Amino acid sequence: MSRKGVVSMVVYNYDRLRGRMAEKGFTIKALAKKIGIHSNTLARKLYCESYLNTDEIRNIASALDITANELNDFFFMPNKY
């Protein structure tokens, strides 16, 4: 049942993305610098307080060697509560 005026937000699971960051030796601060955003902004996005935009996804994928075929696995896996 939905309530009037309540918007449901999809929350993604970025555990695999954070794992790839670790494999490639990136901290949130280092990856944020590499893609040109503030580390606090990237942290908020990786912990689902905000969404990644298309350019950020493209830049992160490039930095972490994520192929187009892998994008869904790293960026669009819904969080299961």
C-alpha atoms as a PDB file:
ATOM      1  CA  MET A   1       0.000   0.000   0.000  1.00  0.00           C
ATOM      2  CA  SER A   2       1.424   3.410  -0.880  1.00  0.00           C
ATOM      3  CA  ARG A   3       0.784   6.563   1.058  1.00  0.00           C
ATOM      4  CA  LYS A   4      -0.121   9.753  -0.742  1.00  0.00           C
ATOM      5  CA  GLY A   5       2.836  12.111  -0.981  1.00  0.00           C
ATOM      6  CA  VAL A   6       5.459   9.470  -0.091  1.00  0.00           C
ATOM      7  CA  VAL A   7       8.036   8.807  -2.775  1.00  0.00           C
ATOM      8  CA  SER A   8       9.798   5.474  -2.726  1.00  0.00           C
ATOM      9  CA  MET A   9      13.529   5.697  -3.435  1.00  0.00           C
ATOM     10  CA  VAL A  10      15.433   2.788  -4.959  1.00  0.00           C
ATOM     11  CA  VAL A  11      18.501   2.019  -2.873  1.00  0.00           C
ATOM     12  CA  TYR A  12      21.415   0.352  -4.606  1.00  0.00           C
ATOM     13  CA  ASN A  13      23.981  -1.991  -3.113  1.00  0.00           C
ATOM     14  CA  TYR A  14      27.517  -0.765  -3.827  1.00  0.00           C
ATOM     15  CA  ASP A  15      29.372  -3.502  -1.909  1.00  0.00           C
ATOM     16  CA  ARG A  16      30.799  -4.952  -5.110  1.00  0.00           C
ATOM     17  CA  LEU A  17      31.857  -1.478  -6.269  1.00  0.00           C
ATOM     18  CA  ARG A  18      33.608  -0.833  -2.953  1.00  0.00           C
ATOM     19  CA  GLY A  19      35.295  -4.240  -3.333  1.00  0.00           C
ATOM     20  CA  ARG A  20      36.605  -3.242  -6.772  1.00  0.00           C
ATOM     21  CA  MET A  21      37.849   0.024  -5.286  1.00  0.00           C
ATOM     22  CA  ALA A  22      39.845  -1.951  -2.728  1.00  0.00           C
ATOM     23  CA  GLU A  23      41.201  -4.312  -5.417  1.00  0.00           C
ATOM     24  CA  LYS A  24      42.425  -1.340  -7.431  1.00  0.00           C
ATOM     25  CA  GLY A  25      43.849   0.414  -4.359  1.00  0.00           C
ATOM     26  CA  PHE A  26      41.366   3.300  -4.226  1.00  0.00           C
ATOM     27  CA  THR A  27      40.016   4.902  -1.093  1.00  0.00           C
ATOM     28  CA  ILE A  28      36.903   7.044  -1.362  1.00  0.00           C
ATOM     29  CA  LYS A  29      39.122  10.115  -1.116  1.00  0.00           C
ATOM     30  CA  ALA A  30      41.479   8.938  -3.894  1.00  0.00           C
ATOM     31  CA  LEU A  31      38.669   7.889  -6.230  1.00  0.00           C
ATOM     32  CA  ALA A  32      36.790  11.129  -5.639  1.00  0.00           C
ATOM     33  CA  LYS A  33      39.908  13.102  -6.537  1.00  0.00           C
ATOM     34  CA  LYS A  34      40.417  10.984  -9.669  1.00  0.00           C
ATOM     35  CA  ILE A  35      36.865  11.616 -10.903  1.00  0.00           C
ATOM     36  CA  GLY A  36      36.775  15.268  -9.846  1.00  0.00           C
ATOM     37  CA  ILE A  37      34.268  15.369  -7.004  1.00  0.00           C
ATOM     38  CA  HIS A  38      34.569  15.963  -3.263  1.00  0.00           C
ATOM     39  CA  SER A  39      35.176  12.854  -1.161  1.00  0.00           C
ATOM     40  CA  ASN A  40      32.158  13.627   1.052  1.00  0.00           C
ATOM     41  CA  THR A  41      29.964  13.714  -2.053  1.00  0.00           C
ATOM     42  CA  LEU A  42      31.242  10.341  -3.237  1.00  0.00           C
ATOM     43  CA  ALA A  43      30.832   8.844   0.230  1.00  0.00           C
ATOM     44  CA  ARG A  44      27.190  10.015   0.394  1.00  0.00           C
ATOM     45  CA  LYS A  45      26.540   8.444  -2.988  1.00  0.00           C
ATOM     46  CA  LEU A  46      28.233   5.139  -2.155  1.00  0.00           C
ATOM     47  CA  TYR A  47      26.192   4.907   1.057  1.00  0.00           C
ATOM     48  CA  CYS A  48      22.935   5.658  -0.796  1.00  0.00           C
ATOM     49  CA  GLU A  49      22.241   9.106   0.559  1.00  0.00           C
ATOM     50  CA  SER A  50      22.316  10.465  -2.989  1.00  0.00           C
ATOM     51  CA  TYR A  51      22.460   9.073  -6.528  1.00  0.00           C
ATOM     52  CA  LEU A  52      25.452   8.817  -8.844  1.00  0.00           C
ATOM     53  CA  ASN A  53      24.914  10.689 -12.104  1.00  0.00           C
ATOM     54  CA  THR A  54      25.783   9.376 -15.558  1.00  0.00           C
ATOM     55  CA  ASP A  55      29.131  11.183 -15.765  1.00  0.00           C
ATOM     56  CA  GLU A  56      30.148   9.916 -12.325  1.00  0.00           C
ATOM     57  CA  ILE A  57      29.259   6.346 -13.261  1.00  0.00           C
ATOM     58  CA  ARG A  58      31.238   6.656 -16.494  1.00  0.00           C
ATOM     59  CA  ASN A  59      34.267   8.127 -14.706  1.00  0.00           C
ATOM     60  CA  ILE A  60      34.210   5.577 -11.880  1.00  0.00           C
ATOM     61  CA  ALA A  61      33.870   2.720 -14.359  1.00  0.00           C
ATOM     62  CA  SER A  62      36.859   4.029 -16.294  1.00  0.00           C
ATOM     63  CA  ALA A  63      38.995   4.464 -13.175  1.00  0.00           C
ATOM     64  CA  LEU A  64      38.137   0.965 -11.914  1.00  0.00           C
ATOM     65  CA  ASP A  65      38.321  -0.838 -15.278  1.00  0.00           C
ATOM     66  CA  ILE A  66      34.640  -1.762 -15.233  1.00  0.00           C
ATOM     67  CA  THR A  67      33.385  -2.733 -18.682  1.00  0.00           C
ATOM     68  CA  ALA A  68      30.042  -1.749 -20.181  1.00  0.00           C
ATOM     69  CA  ASN A  69      28.875  -5.343 -19.724  1.00  0.00           C
ATOM     70  CA  GLU A  70      29.631  -5.129 -15.988  1.00  0.00           C
ATOM     71  CA  LEU A  71      27.871  -1.819 -15.272  1.00  0.00           C
ATOM     72  CA  ASN A  72      24.665  -3.399 -13.937  1.00  0.00           C
ATOM     73  CA  ASP A  73      26.605  -5.652 -11.576  1.00  0.00           C
ATOM     74  CA  PHE A  74      28.512  -2.747 -10.035  1.00  0.00           C
ATOM     75  CA  PHE A  75      26.069   0.156 -10.188  1.00  0.00           C
ATOM     76  CA  PHE A  76      22.481  -1.074 -10.391  1.00  0.00           C
ATOM     77  CA  MET A  77      22.068  -3.953  -7.952  1.00  0.00           C
ATOM     78  CA  PRO A  78      19.110  -3.181  -5.668  1.00  0.00           C
ATOM     79  CA  ASN A  79      19.764  -3.407  -1.966  1.00  0.00           C
ATOM     80  CA  LYS A  80      17.757  -6.207  -0.367  1.00  0.00           C
ATOM     81  CA  TYR A  81      16.371  -5.314   3.028  1.00  0.00           C
END
